């Protein structure tokens, strides 16, 4: 496992742990709901695939590019 993990939405300076807590509290099930509330993933959107994985798996730390491997397994 890489020492450097993807754990934050950089543009909004919010961790995936915080995003997970917000989504659970508000009942959000999609990145689009989080974006509509300006929680994350509205600027560069590089975190979007990781947040999608977070919502699906409950994990909050990912290998860089991990989302690219998910569909190829």
N, C-alpha and C. Protein backbone atom coordinates (compact mmCIF):
# COMPACT_ATOMS: atom_id res chain seq x y z
N UNK A 1 0.85 -1.18 0.00
CA UNK A 1 0.00 0.00 0.00
C UNK A 1 0.89 1.24 0.00
N UNK A 2 0.50 2.22 -0.76
CA UNK A 2 1.23 3.49 -0.85
C UNK A 2 1.17 4.22 0.49
N UNK A 3 2.24 4.93 0.81
CA UNK A 3 2.24 5.76 2.02
C UNK A 3 1.35 6.98 1.84
N UNK A 4 1.19 7.42 0.61
CA UNK A 4 0.34 8.58 0.31
C UNK A 4 -1.04 8.09 -0.11
N UNK A 5 -2.03 8.46 0.65
CA UNK A 5 -3.39 8.05 0.36
C UNK A 5 -4.26 9.26 0.05
N UNK A 6 -5.29 9.05 -0.72
CA UNK A 6 -6.25 10.10 -1.03
C UNK A 6 -7.30 10.07 0.09
N UNK A 7 -7.37 11.17 0.86
CA UNK A 7 -8.24 11.20 2.04
C UNK A 7 -9.07 12.47 2.16
N UNK A 8 -8.93 13.39 1.18
CA UNK A 8 -9.58 14.70 1.31
C UNK A 8 -10.10 15.21 -0.03
N UNK A 9 -11.08 16.08 0.06
CA UNK A 9 -11.44 16.96 -1.05
C UNK A 9 -10.56 18.20 -0.82
N UNK A 10 -9.59 18.37 -1.68
CA UNK A 10 -8.60 19.44 -1.51
C UNK A 10 -9.26 20.82 -1.67
N UNK A 11 -10.09 20.99 -2.67
CA UNK A 11 -10.68 22.31 -2.94
C UNK A 11 -11.53 22.84 -1.78
N UNK A 12 -12.22 21.92 -1.09
CA UNK A 12 -13.07 22.32 0.03
C UNK A 12 -12.38 22.12 1.37
N UNK A 13 -11.15 21.58 1.35
CA UNK A 13 -10.38 21.33 2.57
C UNK A 13 -11.20 20.55 3.60
N UNK A 14 -11.79 19.45 3.12
CA UNK A 14 -12.62 18.61 3.99
C UNK A 14 -12.21 17.15 3.78
N UNK A 15 -12.07 16.42 4.89
CA UNK A 15 -11.65 15.02 4.80
C UNK A 15 -12.83 14.15 4.39
N UNK A 16 -12.50 12.98 3.86
CA UNK A 16 -13.54 12.02 3.50
C UNK A 16 -14.27 11.55 4.75
N UNK A 17 -13.58 11.51 5.89
CA UNK A 17 -14.24 11.16 7.15
C UNK A 17 -15.33 12.18 7.48
N UNK A 18 -15.02 13.47 7.29
CA UNK A 18 -16.01 14.52 7.54
C UNK A 18 -17.15 14.42 6.54
N UNK A 19 -16.82 14.17 5.28
CA UNK A 19 -17.84 14.05 4.24
C UNK A 19 -18.75 12.86 4.55
N UNK A 20 -18.16 11.76 4.99
CA UNK A 20 -18.94 10.58 5.35
C UNK A 20 -19.91 10.89 6.49
N UNK A 21 -19.43 11.60 7.49
CA UNK A 21 -20.27 11.98 8.63
C UNK A 21 -21.42 12.88 8.18
N UNK A 22 -21.12 13.85 7.33
CA UNK A 22 -22.15 14.75 6.81
C UNK A 22 -23.18 13.97 6.00
N UNK A 23 -22.71 13.08 5.13
CA UNK A 23 -23.64 12.32 4.28
C UNK A 23 -24.52 11.41 5.11
N UNK A 24 -23.95 10.80 6.15
CA UNK A 24 -24.76 9.94 7.03
C UNK A 24 -25.79 10.75 7.80
N UNK A 25 -25.38 11.90 8.33
CA UNK A 25 -26.30 12.74 9.11
C UNK A 25 -27.45 13.27 8.27
N UNK A 26 -27.12 13.66 7.03
CA UNK A 26 -28.13 14.26 6.15
C UNK A 26 -28.87 13.23 5.30
N UNK A 27 -28.38 11.99 5.30
CA UNK A 27 -29.02 10.95 4.49
C UNK A 27 -28.66 11.03 3.02
N UNK A 28 -27.55 11.67 2.71
CA UNK A 28 -27.12 11.77 1.31
C UNK A 28 -26.60 10.42 0.83
N UNK A 29 -26.97 10.06 -0.39
CA UNK A 29 -26.56 8.79 -0.97
C UNK A 29 -25.73 8.96 -2.23
N UNK A 30 -25.52 10.21 -2.68
CA UNK A 30 -24.78 10.43 -3.92
C UNK A 30 -23.87 11.65 -3.82
N UNK A 31 -22.88 11.66 -4.68
CA UNK A 31 -21.98 12.81 -4.76
C UNK A 31 -22.76 14.05 -5.18
N UNK A 32 -23.73 13.88 -6.05
CA UNK A 32 -24.52 15.01 -6.52
C UNK A 32 -25.26 15.70 -5.39
N UNK A 33 -25.75 14.94 -4.42
CA UNK A 33 -26.41 15.55 -3.25
C UNK A 33 -25.40 16.35 -2.43
N UNK A 34 -24.20 15.80 -2.26
CA UNK A 34 -23.15 16.51 -1.53
C UNK A 34 -22.73 17.77 -2.27
N UNK A 35 -22.63 17.69 -3.59
CA UNK A 35 -22.27 18.85 -4.40
C UNK A 35 -23.34 19.93 -4.31
N UNK A 36 -24.60 19.54 -4.33
CA UNK A 36 -25.70 20.51 -4.27
C UNK A 36 -25.66 21.32 -2.98
N UNK A 37 -25.13 20.72 -1.91
CA UNK A 37 -25.01 21.41 -0.63
C UNK A 37 -23.63 22.04 -0.46
N UNK A 38 -22.82 22.02 -1.51
CA UNK A 38 -21.48 22.61 -1.53
C UNK A 38 -20.57 22.02 -0.45
N UNK A 39 -20.72 20.72 -0.21
CA UNK A 39 -19.90 20.03 0.78
C UNK A 39 -18.54 19.67 0.18
N UNK A 40 -18.55 19.23 -1.08
CA UNK A 40 -17.32 18.74 -1.70
C UNK A 40 -17.51 18.62 -3.21
N UNK A 41 -16.39 18.43 -3.89
CA UNK A 41 -16.36 18.05 -5.30
C UNK A 41 -17.10 19.02 -6.24
N UNK A 42 -16.95 20.31 -5.99
CA UNK A 42 -17.59 21.28 -6.89
C UNK A 42 -16.59 22.11 -7.68
N UNK A 43 -15.31 21.99 -7.36
CA UNK A 43 -14.30 22.78 -8.08
C UNK A 43 -13.56 21.89 -9.08
N UNK A 44 -12.44 21.31 -8.70
CA UNK A 44 -11.67 20.49 -9.65
C UNK A 44 -12.32 19.13 -9.89
N UNK A 45 -13.09 18.64 -8.95
CA UNK A 45 -13.83 17.37 -9.01
C UNK A 45 -12.94 16.14 -9.08
N UNK A 46 -11.66 16.28 -8.75
CA UNK A 46 -10.77 15.12 -8.76
C UNK A 46 -11.13 14.11 -7.67
N UNK A 47 -11.82 14.55 -6.64
CA UNK A 47 -12.19 13.64 -5.55
C UNK A 47 -13.47 12.86 -5.84
N UNK A 48 -14.21 13.24 -6.85
CA UNK A 48 -15.52 12.63 -7.10
C UNK A 48 -15.48 11.10 -7.15
N UNK A 49 -14.59 10.48 -7.92
CA UNK A 49 -14.61 9.01 -7.94
C UNK A 49 -14.28 8.39 -6.58
N UNK A 50 -13.45 9.06 -5.80
CA UNK A 50 -13.12 8.54 -4.47
C UNK A 50 -14.32 8.68 -3.53
N UNK A 51 -15.04 9.77 -3.63
CA UNK A 51 -16.22 9.96 -2.79
C UNK A 51 -17.30 8.96 -3.18
N UNK A 52 -17.42 8.66 -4.47
CA UNK A 52 -18.36 7.62 -4.90
C UNK A 52 -17.99 6.29 -4.26
N UNK A 53 -16.68 5.96 -4.25
CA UNK A 53 -16.23 4.73 -3.62
C UNK A 53 -16.48 4.76 -2.11
N UNK A 54 -16.29 5.92 -1.50
CA UNK A 54 -16.54 6.06 -0.07
C UNK A 54 -18.01 5.77 0.24
N UNK A 55 -18.90 6.33 -0.56
CA UNK A 55 -20.33 6.12 -0.34
C UNK A 55 -20.71 4.65 -0.53
N UNK A 56 -20.04 3.96 -1.45
CA UNK A 56 -20.33 2.55 -1.71
C UNK A 56 -19.72 1.62 -0.67
N UNK A 57 -18.52 1.94 -0.20
CA UNK A 57 -17.78 0.99 0.65
C UNK A 57 -17.68 1.39 2.11
N UNK A 58 -17.82 2.67 2.40
CA UNK A 58 -17.63 3.16 3.76
C UNK A 58 -16.18 3.48 4.10
N UNK A 59 -15.28 3.20 3.18
CA UNK A 59 -13.86 3.50 3.40
C UNK A 59 -13.62 4.99 3.20
N UNK A 60 -12.56 5.51 3.85
CA UNK A 60 -12.27 6.94 3.76
C UNK A 60 -10.83 7.23 3.34
N UNK A 61 -10.09 6.22 2.91
CA UNK A 61 -8.72 6.39 2.44
C UNK A 61 -8.49 5.45 1.26
N UNK A 62 -7.87 5.99 0.21
CA UNK A 62 -7.73 5.24 -1.02
C UNK A 62 -6.35 5.41 -1.63
N UNK A 63 -5.88 4.36 -2.30
CA UNK A 63 -4.65 4.45 -3.08
C UNK A 63 -4.90 5.43 -4.23
N UNK A 64 -3.93 6.24 -4.59
CA UNK A 64 -4.10 7.11 -5.75
C UNK A 64 -4.44 6.27 -7.00
N UNK A 65 -5.47 6.65 -7.71
CA UNK A 65 -5.90 5.94 -8.91
C UNK A 65 -6.66 4.65 -8.65
N UNK A 66 -6.96 4.36 -7.42
CA UNK A 66 -7.65 3.11 -7.08
C UNK A 66 -8.96 2.94 -7.82
N UNK A 67 -9.68 4.02 -8.02
CA UNK A 67 -10.97 3.94 -8.72
C UNK A 67 -10.81 3.42 -10.15
N UNK A 68 -9.66 3.58 -10.74
CA UNK A 68 -9.41 3.08 -12.09
C UNK A 68 -9.33 1.55 -12.12
N UNK A 69 -8.92 0.97 -11.02
CA UNK A 69 -8.74 -0.48 -10.92
C UNK A 69 -10.04 -1.21 -10.63
N UNK A 70 -11.00 -0.53 -10.06
CA UNK A 70 -12.25 -1.16 -9.61
C UNK A 70 -12.98 -1.83 -10.77
N UNK A 71 -13.13 -1.14 -11.88
CA UNK A 71 -13.85 -1.70 -13.01
C UNK A 71 -13.06 -2.72 -13.80
N UNK A 72 -11.75 -2.79 -13.60
CA UNK A 72 -10.92 -3.68 -14.40
C UNK A 72 -10.66 -5.02 -13.72
N UNK A 73 -11.18 -5.21 -12.52
CA UNK A 73 -10.92 -6.46 -11.79
C UNK A 73 -11.88 -7.55 -12.20
